[in-house]
Amino acid sequence: MGAQVVVYAQGGCQACRLTQRALERAGVEYEVVDLEASAAARELLLALEFTAAPVVTTGREWWSGFRPDRIKEITRA
């Protein structure tokens, strides 16, 4: 897959864990950005008007929440 997947996540977030688990099961490589450790990442997501974790980007698209449908789409790309 050509896109770089990044998951902006925070500790204790069930949707974050589910998203990461689904990406792993789908064989998608991804990077995790810890929102609790990165003020810059929090500011970026607020500027993009995201208010709930996780936020996922493929480099071309962004979404928030646990979205198995979107994960399936990126595995087909």
PDB file of N, CA and C in Angstrom:
ATOM      1  N   MET A   1       0.848  -1.183   0.000  1.00  0.00           N
ATOM      2  CA  MET A   1       0.000   0.000   0.000  1.00  0.00           C
ATOM      3  C   MET A   1       0.887   1.237   0.000  1.00  0.00           C
ATOM      4  N   GLY A   2       0.548   2.220  -0.830  1.00  0.00           N
ATOM      5  CA  GLY A   2       1.378   3.379  -0.973  1.00  0.00           C
ATOM      6  C   GLY A   2       1.179   4.452   0.090  1.00  0.00           C
ATOM      7  N   ALA A   3       0.014   4.511   0.672  1.00  0.00           N
ATOM      8  CA  ALA A   3      -0.297   5.584   1.625  1.00  0.00           C
ATOM      9  C   ALA A   3       0.294   5.265   2.993  1.00  0.00           C
ATOM     10  N   GLN A   4       0.666   6.318   3.703  1.00  0.00           N
ATOM     11  CA  GLN A   4       1.159   6.184   5.068  1.00  0.00           C
ATOM     12  C   GLN A   4      -0.015   6.388   6.008  1.00  0.00           C
ATOM     13  N   VAL A   5      -0.376   5.365   6.760  1.00  0.00           N
ATOM     14  CA  VAL A   5      -1.503   5.457   7.681  1.00  0.00           C
ATOM     15  C   VAL A   5      -0.989   5.900   9.045  1.00  0.00           C
ATOM     16  N   VAL A   6      -1.648   6.916   9.598  1.00  0.00           N
ATOM     17  CA  VAL A   6      -1.308   7.422  10.922  1.00  0.00           C
ATOM     18  C   VAL A   6      -2.572   7.406  11.765  1.00  0.00           C
ATOM     19  N   VAL A   7      -2.464   6.868  12.976  1.00  0.00           N
ATOM     20  CA  VAL A   7      -3.576   6.837  13.920  1.00  0.00           C
ATOM     21  C   VAL A   7      -3.221   7.757  15.081  1.00  0.00           C
ATOM     22  N   TYR A   8      -4.019   8.794  15.256  1.00  0.00           N
ATOM     23  CA  TYR A   8      -3.872   9.691  16.402  1.00  0.00           C
ATOM     24  C   TYR A   8      -4.755   9.116  17.498  1.00  0.00           C
ATOM     25  N   ALA A   9      -4.142   8.666  18.583  1.00  0.00           N
ATOM     26  CA  ALA A   9      -4.870   7.927  19.612  1.00  0.00           C
ATOM     27  C   ALA A   9      -4.523   8.447  20.999  1.00  0.00           C
ATOM     28  N   GLN A  10      -5.367   8.070  21.959  1.00  0.00           N
ATOM     29  CA  GLN A  10      -5.081   8.397  23.356  1.00  0.00           C
ATOM     30  C   GLN A  10      -5.336   7.173  24.212  1.00  0.00           C
ATOM     31  N   GLY A  11      -4.650   7.118  25.343  1.00  0.00           N
ATOM     32  CA  GLY A  11      -4.778   5.990  26.252  1.00  0.00           C
ATOM     33  C   GLY A  11      -6.195   5.863  26.796  1.00  0.00           C
ATOM     34  N   GLY A  12      -6.604   4.638  27.028  1.00  0.00           N
ATOM     35  CA  GLY A  12      -7.923   4.384  27.586  1.00  0.00           C
ATOM     36  C   GLY A  12      -9.052   4.522  26.584  1.00  0.00           C
ATOM     37  N   CYS A  13      -8.731   4.660  25.317  1.00  0.00           N
ATOM     38  CA  CYS A  13      -9.731   4.862  24.279  1.00  0.00           C
ATOM     39  C   CYS A  13     -10.040   3.531  23.603  1.00  0.00           C
ATOM     40  N   GLN A  14     -11.242   3.019  23.833  1.00  0.00           N
ATOM     41  CA  GLN A  14     -11.637   1.728  23.254  1.00  0.00           C
ATOM     42  C   GLN A  14     -11.668   1.788  21.730  1.00  0.00           C
ATOM     43  N   ALA A  15     -12.186   2.859  21.158  1.00  0.00           N
ATOM     44  CA  ALA A  15     -12.240   2.984  19.701  1.00  0.00           C
ATOM     45  C   ALA A  15     -10.828   3.025  19.108  1.00  0.00           C
ATOM     46  N   CYS A  16      -9.892   3.607  19.849  1.00  0.00           N
ATOM     47  CA  CYS A  16      -8.495   3.643  19.398  1.00  0.00           C
ATOM     48  C   CYS A  16      -7.922   2.229  19.350  1.00  0.00           C
ATOM     49  N   ARG A  17      -8.161   1.461  20.398  1.00  0.00           N
ATOM     50  CA  ARG A  17      -7.663   0.079  20.439  1.00  0.00           C
ATOM     51  C   ARG A  17      -8.296  -0.757  19.331  1.00  0.00           C
ATOM     52  N   LEU A  18      -9.598  -0.604  19.120  1.00  0.00           N
ATOM     53  CA  LEU A  18     -10.282  -1.361  18.074  1.00  0.00           C
ATOM     54  C   LEU A  18      -9.751  -1.008  16.692  1.00  0.00           C
ATOM     55  N   THR A  19      -9.490   0.258  16.468  1.00  0.00           N
ATOM     56  CA  THR A  19      -8.954   0.701  15.184  1.00  0.00           C
ATOM     57  C   THR A  19      -7.585   0.098  14.936  1.00  0.00           C
ATOM     58  N   GLN A  20      -6.715   0.159  15.932  1.00  0.00           N
ATOM     59  CA  GLN A  20      -5.378  -0.402  15.775  1.00  0.00           C
ATOM     60  C   GLN A  20      -5.434  -1.906  15.552  1.00  0.00           C
ATOM     61  N   ARG A  21      -6.289  -2.586  16.276  1.00  0.00           N
ATOM     62  CA  ARG A  21      -6.433  -4.033  16.121  1.00  0.00           C
ATOM     63  C   ARG A  21      -6.932  -4.384  14.721  1.00  0.00           C
ATOM     64  N   ALA A  22      -7.893  -3.618  14.218  1.00  0.00           N
ATOM     65  CA  ALA A  22      -8.434  -3.875  12.879  1.00  0.00           C
ATOM     66  C   ALA A  22      -7.379  -3.634  11.802  1.00  0.00           C
ATOM     67  N   LEU A  23      -6.572  -2.591  11.971  1.00  0.00           N
ATOM     68  CA  LEU A  23      -5.496  -2.330  11.015  1.00  0.00           C
ATOM     69  C   LEU A  23      -4.482  -3.470  11.029  1.00  0.00           C
ATOM     70  N   GLU A  24      -4.139  -3.949  12.210  1.00  0.00           N
ATOM     71  CA  GLU A  24      -3.195  -5.062  12.323  1.00  0.00           C
ATOM     72  C   GLU A  24      -3.740  -6.306  11.655  1.00  0.00           C
ATOM     73  N   ARG A  25      -4.994  -6.632  11.907  1.00  0.00           N
ATOM     74  CA  ARG A  25      -5.612  -7.820  11.299  1.00  0.00           C
ATOM     75  C   ARG A  25      -5.674  -7.702   9.786  1.00  0.00           C
ATOM     76  N   ALA A  26      -5.836  -6.493   9.284  1.00  0.00           N
ATOM     77  CA  ALA A  26      -5.905  -6.266   7.838  1.00  0.00           C
ATOM     78  C   ALA A  26      -4.517  -6.216   7.204  1.00  0.00           C
ATOM     79  N   GLY A  27      -3.465  -6.257   8.028  1.00  0.00           N
ATOM     80  CA  GLY A  27      -2.114  -6.231   7.512  1.00  0.00           C
ATOM     81  C   GLY A  27      -1.656  -4.850   7.078  1.00  0.00           C
ATOM     82  N   VAL A  28      -2.272  -3.817   7.628  1.00  0.00           N
ATOM     83  CA  VAL A  28      -1.932  -2.441   7.279  1.00  0.00           C
ATOM     84  C   VAL A  28      -0.877  -1.923   8.255  1.00  0.00           C
ATOM     85  N   GLU A  29       0.225  -1.453   7.707  1.00  0.00           N
ATOM     86  CA  GLU A  29       1.250  -0.833   8.548  1.00  0.00           C
ATOM     87  C   GLU A  29       0.788   0.571   8.902  1.00  0.00           C
ATOM     88  N   TYR A  30       1.022   0.973  10.127  1.00  0.00           N
ATOM     89  CA  TYR A  30       0.573   2.293  10.573  1.00  0.00           C
ATOM     90  C   TYR A  30       1.486   2.803  11.672  1.00  0.00           C
ATOM     91  N   GLU A  31       1.411   4.108  11.859  1.00  0.00           N
ATOM     92  CA  GLU A  31       2.136   4.782  12.935  1.00  0.00           C
ATOM     93  C   GLU A  31       1.105   5.302  13.925  1.00  0.00           C
ATOM     94  N   VAL A  32       1.425   5.265  15.203  1.00  0.00           N
ATOM     95  CA  VAL A  32       0.540   5.803  16.232  1.00  0.00           C
ATOM     96  C   VAL A  32       1.140   7.089  16.777  1.00  0.00           C
ATOM     97  N   VAL A  33       0.323   8.129  16.856  1.00  0.00           N
ATOM     98  CA  VAL A  33       0.721   9.377  17.499  1.00  0.00           C
ATOM     99  C   VAL A  33      -0.088   9.481  18.781  1.00  0.00           C
ATOM    100  N   ASP A  34       0.599   9.552  19.907  1.00  0.00           N
ATOM    101  CA  ASP A  34      -0.039   9.631  21.217  1.00  0.00           C
ATOM    102  C   ASP A  34      -0.505  11.065  21.471  1.00  0.00           C
ATOM    103  N   LEU A  35      -1.804  11.258  21.491  1.00  0.00           N
ATOM    104  CA  LEU A  35      -2.352  12.598  21.687  1.00  0.00           C
ATOM    105  C   LEU A  35      -2.070  13.159  23.074  1.00  0.00           C
ATOM    106  N   GLU A  36      -1.865  12.294  24.042  1.00  0.00           N
ATOM    107  CA  GLU A  36      -1.564  12.765  25.394  1.00  0.00           C
ATOM    108  C   GLU A  36      -0.131  13.292  25.490  1.00  0.00           C
ATOM    109  N   ALA A  37       0.740  12.827  24.590  1.00  0.00           N
ATOM    110  CA  ALA A  37       2.151  13.224  24.640  1.00  0.00           C
ATOM    111  C   ALA A  37       2.491  14.338  23.642  1.00  0.00           C
ATOM    112  N   SER A  38       1.590  14.617  22.708  1.00  0.00           N
ATOM    113  CA  SER A  38       1.921  15.567  21.657  1.00  0.00           C
ATOM    114  C   SER A  38       0.917  16.719  21.579  1.00  0.00           C
ATOM    115  N   ALA A  39       1.317  17.847  22.131  1.00  0.00           N
ATOM    116  CA  ALA A  39       0.465  19.041  22.056  1.00  0.00           C
ATOM    117  C   ALA A  39       0.293  19.485  20.612  1.00  0.00           C
ATOM    118  N   ALA A  40       1.334  19.326  19.799  1.00  0.00           N
ATOM    119  CA  ALA A  40       1.252  19.728  18.388  1.00  0.00           C
ATOM    120  C   ALA A  40       0.201  18.899  17.648  1.00  0.00           C
ATOM    121  N   ALA A  41       0.146  17.603  17.940  1.00  0.00           N
ATOM    122  CA  ALA A  41      -0.853  16.741  17.296  1.00  0.00           C
ATOM    123  C   ALA A  41      -2.263  17.138  17.732  1.00  0.00           C
ATOM    124  N   ARG A  42      -2.443  17.434  19.018  1.00  0.00           N
ATOM    125  CA  ARG A  42      -3.758  17.872  19.502  1.00  0.00           C
ATOM    126  C   ARG A  42      -4.180  19.155  18.808  1.00  0.00           C
ATOM    127  N   GLU A  43      -3.255  20.100  18.681  1.00  0.00           N
ATOM    128  CA  GLU A  43      -3.554  21.373  18.020  1.00  0.00           C
ATOM    129  C   GLU A  43      -3.915  21.161  16.554  1.00  0.00           C
ATOM    130  N   LEU A  44      -3.189  20.273  15.875  1.00  0.00           N
ATOM    131  CA  LEU A  44      -3.477  19.968  14.476  1.00  0.00           C
ATOM    132  C   LEU A  44      -4.897  19.436  14.323  1.00  0.00           C
ATOM    133  N   LEU A  45      -5.257  18.467  15.153  1.00  0.00           N
ATOM    134  CA  LEU A  45      -6.591  17.864  15.029  1.00  0.00           C
ATOM    135  C   LEU A  45      -7.688  18.856  15.367  1.00  0.00           C
ATOM    136  N   LEU A  46      -7.463  19.707  16.344  1.00  0.00           N
ATOM    137  CA  LEU A  46      -8.451  20.744  16.655  1.00  0.00           C
ATOM    138  C   LEU A  46      -8.592  21.730  15.501  1.00  0.00           C
ATOM    139  N   ALA A  47      -7.477  22.067  14.861  1.00  0.00           N
ATOM    140  CA  ALA A  47      -7.522  22.971  13.705  1.00  0.00           C
ATOM    141  C   ALA A  47      -8.294  22.341  12.554  1.00  0.00           C
ATOM    142  N   LEU A  48      -8.232  21.007  12.448  1.00  0.00           N
ATOM    143  CA  LEU A  48      -8.974  20.286  11.415  1.00  0.00           C
ATOM    144  C   LEU A  48     -10.409  19.970  11.849  1.00  0.00           C
ATOM    145  N   GLU A  49     -10.761  20.440  13.050  1.00  0.00           N
ATOM    146  CA  GLU A  49     -12.098  20.297  13.634  1.00  0.00           C
ATOM    147  C   GLU A  49     -12.463  18.874  14.029  1.00  0.00           C
ATOM    148  N   PHE A  50     -11.459  18.072  14.371  1.00  0.00           N
ATOM    149  CA  PHE A  50     -11.717  16.752  14.941  1.00  0.00           C
ATOM    150  C   PHE A  50     -11.769  16.892  16.455  1.00  0.00           C
ATOM    151  N   THR A  51     -12.771  16.285  17.071  1.00  0.00           N
ATOM    152  CA  THR A  51     -12.924  16.396  18.520  1.00  0.00           C
ATOM    153  C   THR A  51     -12.982  15.043  19.225  1.00  0.00           C
ATOM    154  N   ALA A  52     -12.894  13.951  18.466  1.00  0.00           N
ATOM    155  CA  ALA A  52     -12.969  12.617  19.069  1.00  0.00           C
ATOM    156  C   ALA A  52     -11.860  11.737  18.507  1.00  0.00           C
ATOM    157  N   ALA A  53     -11.311  10.907  19.371  1.00  0.00           N
ATOM    158  CA  ALA A  53     -10.266   9.966  18.955  1.00  0.00           C
ATOM    159  C   ALA A  53     -10.909   8.604  18.680  1.00  0.00           C
ATOM    160  N   PRO A  54     -10.274   7.812  17.866  1.00  0.00           N
ATOM    161  CA  PRO A  54      -9.055   8.101  17.133  1.00  0.00           C
ATOM    162  C   PRO A  54      -9.345   8.937  15.886  1.00  0.00           C
ATOM    163  N   VAL A  55      -8.301   9.564  15.399  1.00  0.00           N
ATOM    164  CA  VAL A  55      -8.350  10.200  14.092  1.00  0.00           C
ATOM    165  C   VAL A  55      -7.331   9.453  13.237  1.00  0.00           C
ATOM    166  N   VAL A  56      -7.767   9.056  12.053  1.00  0.00           N
ATOM    167  CA  VAL A  56      -6.916   8.273  11.162  1.00  0.00           C
ATOM    168  C   VAL A  56      -6.728   9.054   9.867  1.00  0.00           C
ATOM    169  N   THR A  57      -5.507   9.033   9.359  1.00  0.00           N
ATOM    170  CA  THR A  57      -5.252   9.609   8.040  1.00  0.00           C
ATOM    171  C   THR A  57      -4.463   8.627   7.191  1.00  0.00           C
ATOM    172  N   THR A  58      -4.771   8.626   5.912  1.00  0.00           N
ATOM    173  CA  THR A  58      -4.026   7.816   4.947  1.00  0.00           C
ATOM    174  C   THR A  58      -3.107   8.699   4.123  1.00  0.00           C
ATOM    175  N   GLY A  59      -3.106   9.980   4.419  1.00  0.00           N
ATOM    176  CA  GLY A  59      -2.355  10.932   3.623  1.00  0.00           C
ATOM    177  C   GLY A  59      -3.242  11.612   2.593  1.00  0.00           C
ATOM    178  N   ARG A  60      -4.306  10.926   2.196  1.00  0.00           N
ATOM    179  CA  ARG A  60      -5.268  11.481   1.237  1.00  0.00           C
ATOM    180  C   ARG A  60      -6.608  11.789   1.892  1.00  0.00           C
ATOM    181  N   GLU A  61      -6.931  11.039   2.921  1.00  0.00           N
ATOM    182  CA  GLU A  61      -8.217  11.229   3.585  1.00  0.00           C
ATOM    183  C   GLU A  61      -8.053  11.123   5.092  1.00  0.00           C
ATOM    184  N   TRP A  62      -9.014  11.702   5.802  1.00  0.00           N
ATOM    185  CA  TRP A  62      -9.024  11.722   7.264  1.00  0.00           C
ATOM    186  C   TRP A  62     -10.405  11.262   7.745  1.00  0.00           C
ATOM    187  N   TRP A  63     -10.435  10.573   8.885  1.00  0.00           N
ATOM    188  CA  TRP A  63     -11.706  10.274   9.545  1.00  0.00           C
ATOM    189  C   TRP A  63     -11.464  10.077  11.030  1.00  0.00           C
ATOM    190  N   SER A  64     -12.547  10.121  11.788  1.00  0.00           N
ATOM    191  CA  SER A  64     -12.430   9.869  13.226  1.00  0.00           C
ATOM    192  C   SER A  64     -13.379   8.749  13.620  1.00  0.00           C
ATOM    193  N   GLY A  65     -13.035   8.123  14.734  1.00  0.00           N
ATOM    194  CA  GLY A  65     -13.837   7.028  15.249  1.00  0.00           C
ATOM    195  C   GLY A  65     -13.398   5.691  14.682  1.00  0.00           C
ATOM    196  N   PHE A  66     -13.968   4.628  15.220  1.00  0.00           N
ATOM    197  CA  PHE A  66     -13.695   3.275  14.748  1.00  0.00           C
ATOM    198  C   PHE A  66     -14.526   3.049  13.498  1.00  0.00           C
ATOM    199  N   ARG A  67     -13.861   2.943  12.345  1.00  0.00           N
ATOM    200  CA  ARG A  67     -14.539   2.838  11.052  1.00  0.00           C
ATOM    201  C   ARG A  67     -14.023   1.626  10.274  1.00  0.00           C
ATOM    202  N   PRO A  68     -14.538   0.432  10.584  1.00  0.00           N
ATOM    203  CA  PRO A  68     -14.092  -0.763   9.865  1.00  0.00           C
ATOM    204  C   PRO A  68     -14.316  -0.650   8.359  1.00  0.00           C
ATOM    205  N   ASP A  69     -15.363   0.071   7.954  1.00  0.00           N
ATOM    206  CA  ASP A  69     -15.627   0.244   6.526  1.00  0.00           C
ATOM    207  C   ASP A  69     -14.495   1.004   5.846  1.00  0.00           C
ATOM    208  N   ARG A  70     -13.967   2.018   6.490  1.00  0.00           N
ATOM    209  CA  ARG A  70     -12.869   2.798   5.911  1.00  0.00           C
ATOM    210  C   ARG A  70     -11.573   1.978   5.896  1.00  0.00           C
ATOM    211  N   ILE A  71     -11.377   1.160   6.926  1.00  0.00           N
ATOM    212  CA  ILE A  71     -10.189   0.299   6.966  1.00  0.00           C
ATOM    213  C   ILE A  71     -10.231  -0.690   5.809  1.00  0.00           C
ATOM    214  N   LYS A  72     -11.400  -1.257   5.525  1.00  0.00           N
ATOM    215  CA  LYS A  72     -11.531  -2.181   4.388  1.00  0.00           C
ATOM    216  C   LYS A  72     -11.224  -1.461   3.083  1.00  0.00           C
ATOM    217  N   GLU A  73     -11.660  -0.216   2.958  1.00  0.00           N
ATOM    218  CA  GLU A  73     -11.395   0.550   1.731  1.00  0.00           C
ATOM    219  C   GLU A  73      -9.894   0.720   1.509  1.00  0.00           C
ATOM    220  N   ILE A  74      -9.148   1.029   2.545  1.00  0.00           N
ATOM    221  CA  ILE A  74      -7.719   1.270   2.338  1.00  0.00           C
ATOM    222  C   ILE A  74      -6.970  -0.023   2.067  1.00  0.00           C
ATOM    223  N   THR A  75      -7.496  -1.160   2.499  1.00  0.00           N
ATOM    224  CA  THR A  75      -6.832  -2.421   2.181  1.00  0.00           C
ATOM    225  C   THR A  75      -7.051  -2.810   0.724  1.00  0.00           C
ATOM    226  N   ARG A  76      -8.093  -2.288   0.111  1.00  0.00           N
ATOM    227  CA  ARG A  76      -8.359  -2.546  -1.309  1.00  0.00           C
ATOM    228  C   ARG A  76      -7.555  -1.631  -2.213  1.00  0.00           C
ATOM    229  N   ALA A  77      -7.083  -0.519  -1.670  1.00  0.00           N
ATOM    230  CA  ALA A  77      -6.377   0.486  -2.506  1.00  0.00           C
ATOM    231  C   ALA A  77      -5.027  -0.016  -2.982  1.00  0.00           C
TER     232      ALA A  77
END
